[in-house]
């Protein structure tokens, strides 16, 4: 369990909010945000390198 650096609320893998863009086959972007204050905690980007 971790604390949000902005609101100090509890954040777990089960409660973190995820917004996904892209199909995941060629390109996918995921935005992770705090379930308490909705602040952005991180962004993940992936690309198929086949």
N, C-alpha and C. Protein backbone atom coordinates (compact mmCIF):
# COMPACT_ATOMS: atom_id res chain seq x y z
N UNK A 1 0.84 -1.17 0.00
CA UNK A 1 0.00 0.00 0.00
C UNK A 1 0.89 1.24 0.00
N UNK A 2 0.49 2.24 -0.72
CA UNK A 2 1.26 3.48 -0.83
C UNK A 2 0.36 4.67 -0.54
N UNK A 3 0.97 5.81 -0.36
CA UNK A 3 0.24 7.05 -0.16
C UNK A 3 0.42 7.95 -1.37
N UNK A 4 -0.64 8.63 -1.76
CA UNK A 4 -0.57 9.60 -2.85
C UNK A 4 0.34 10.75 -2.41
N UNK A 5 1.28 11.18 -3.26
CA UNK A 5 2.18 12.28 -2.87
C UNK A 5 1.47 13.63 -2.79
N UNK A 6 0.25 13.73 -3.32
CA UNK A 6 -0.48 15.00 -3.33
C UNK A 6 -1.45 15.13 -2.17
N UNK A 7 -2.32 14.12 -1.97
CA UNK A 7 -3.35 14.20 -0.93
C UNK A 7 -3.07 13.30 0.26
N UNK A 8 -2.01 12.47 0.16
CA UNK A 8 -1.61 11.52 1.22
C UNK A 8 -2.65 10.42 1.45
N UNK A 9 -3.61 10.25 0.52
CA UNK A 9 -4.59 9.18 0.62
C UNK A 9 -3.98 7.83 0.27
N UNK A 10 -4.59 6.75 0.73
CA UNK A 10 -4.11 5.40 0.47
C UNK A 10 -4.40 5.00 -0.98
N UNK A 11 -3.41 4.40 -1.63
CA UNK A 11 -3.53 3.95 -3.02
C UNK A 11 -3.00 2.52 -3.08
N UNK A 12 -3.78 1.60 -3.66
CA UNK A 12 -3.33 0.23 -3.87
C UNK A 12 -3.49 -0.11 -5.34
N UNK A 13 -2.97 -1.27 -5.73
CA UNK A 13 -3.13 -1.70 -7.12
C UNK A 13 -4.60 -1.91 -7.49
N UNK A 14 -5.41 -2.27 -6.49
CA UNK A 14 -6.83 -2.50 -6.76
C UNK A 14 -7.62 -1.20 -6.88
N UNK A 15 -7.16 -0.13 -6.22
CA UNK A 15 -7.94 1.12 -6.21
C UNK A 15 -7.43 2.18 -7.17
N UNK A 16 -6.18 2.06 -7.64
CA UNK A 16 -5.65 3.08 -8.56
C UNK A 16 -6.51 3.10 -9.82
N UNK A 17 -6.79 4.29 -10.32
CA UNK A 17 -7.61 4.42 -11.53
C UNK A 17 -6.72 4.40 -12.75
N UNK A 18 -7.15 3.65 -13.77
CA UNK A 18 -6.38 3.50 -15.00
C UNK A 18 -7.24 3.92 -16.18
N UNK A 19 -6.67 4.74 -17.06
CA UNK A 19 -7.33 5.12 -18.31
C UNK A 19 -6.42 4.68 -19.44
N UNK A 20 -6.94 3.81 -20.31
CA UNK A 20 -6.15 3.22 -21.38
C UNK A 20 -6.55 3.80 -22.73
N UNK A 21 -5.54 4.10 -23.54
CA UNK A 21 -5.76 4.60 -24.90
C UNK A 21 -4.95 3.71 -25.84
N UNK A 22 -5.56 3.26 -26.89
CA UNK A 22 -4.89 2.39 -27.85
C UNK A 22 -5.34 0.95 -27.68
N UNK A 23 -5.10 0.15 -28.73
CA UNK A 23 -5.56 -1.23 -28.73
C UNK A 23 -4.60 -2.16 -28.01
N UNK A 24 -3.37 -1.76 -27.81
CA UNK A 24 -2.41 -2.62 -27.14
C UNK A 24 -1.62 -3.51 -28.07
N UNK A 25 -2.01 -3.59 -29.34
CA UNK A 25 -1.28 -4.44 -30.29
C UNK A 25 -0.10 -3.65 -30.86
N UNK A 26 -0.35 -2.43 -31.32
CA UNK A 26 0.72 -1.61 -31.88
C UNK A 26 1.20 -0.54 -30.92
N UNK A 27 0.27 0.08 -30.19
CA UNK A 27 0.64 1.15 -29.28
C UNK A 27 -0.41 1.25 -28.18
N UNK A 28 0.03 1.45 -26.96
CA UNK A 28 -0.91 1.60 -25.86
C UNK A 28 -0.34 2.59 -24.86
N UNK A 29 -1.19 3.46 -24.36
CA UNK A 29 -0.82 4.42 -23.34
C UNK A 29 -1.77 4.25 -22.16
N UNK A 30 -1.23 4.24 -20.95
CA UNK A 30 -2.04 4.10 -19.75
C UNK A 30 -1.72 5.25 -18.81
N UNK A 31 -2.75 5.92 -18.31
CA UNK A 31 -2.61 7.00 -17.34
C UNK A 31 -3.11 6.49 -16.00
N UNK A 32 -2.29 6.60 -14.96
CA UNK A 32 -2.65 6.15 -13.62
C UNK A 32 -2.95 7.38 -12.77
N UNK A 33 -4.09 7.35 -12.05
CA UNK A 33 -4.44 8.49 -11.20
C UNK A 33 -4.92 8.03 -9.83
N UNK A 34 -4.83 8.93 -8.87
CA UNK A 34 -5.23 8.66 -7.49
C UNK A 34 -6.75 8.56 -7.42
N UNK A 35 -7.28 7.54 -6.73
CA UNK A 35 -8.73 7.40 -6.62
C UNK A 35 -9.34 8.44 -5.68
N UNK A 36 -8.53 9.09 -4.87
CA UNK A 36 -9.03 10.06 -3.90
C UNK A 36 -9.09 11.48 -4.45
N UNK A 37 -7.97 11.96 -5.04
CA UNK A 37 -7.91 13.35 -5.49
C UNK A 37 -7.81 13.48 -7.01
N UNK A 38 -7.72 12.36 -7.73
CA UNK A 38 -7.66 12.31 -9.20
C UNK A 38 -6.37 12.90 -9.79
N UNK A 39 -5.33 13.09 -8.99
CA UNK A 39 -4.05 13.57 -9.49
C UNK A 39 -3.36 12.47 -10.29
N UNK A 40 -2.63 12.86 -11.32
CA UNK A 40 -1.91 11.90 -12.15
C UNK A 40 -0.70 11.38 -11.39
N UNK A 41 -0.60 10.06 -11.28
CA UNK A 41 0.51 9.42 -10.59
C UNK A 41 1.57 8.91 -11.55
N UNK A 42 1.19 8.64 -12.79
CA UNK A 42 2.17 8.15 -13.75
C UNK A 42 1.54 7.87 -15.09
N UNK A 43 2.40 7.75 -16.10
CA UNK A 43 1.98 7.43 -17.47
C UNK A 43 2.87 6.31 -17.97
N UNK A 44 2.25 5.33 -18.62
CA UNK A 44 3.00 4.22 -19.19
C UNK A 44 2.72 4.19 -20.69
N UNK A 45 3.78 4.04 -21.47
CA UNK A 45 3.64 3.95 -22.92
C UNK A 45 4.36 2.71 -23.41
N UNK A 46 3.71 2.01 -24.33
CA UNK A 46 4.32 0.83 -24.92
C UNK A 46 4.14 0.82 -26.42
N UNK A 47 5.05 0.17 -27.11
CA UNK A 47 4.98 0.09 -28.56
C UNK A 47 5.44 -1.28 -29.01
N UNK A 48 4.75 -1.85 -29.96
CA UNK A 48 5.12 -3.15 -30.50
C UNK A 48 6.36 -2.98 -31.38
N UNK A 49 7.39 -3.75 -31.07
CA UNK A 49 8.64 -3.63 -31.81
C UNK A 49 8.90 -4.88 -32.65
N UNK A 50 7.85 -5.53 -33.18
CA UNK A 50 7.98 -6.77 -33.92
C UNK A 50 8.68 -6.60 -35.18
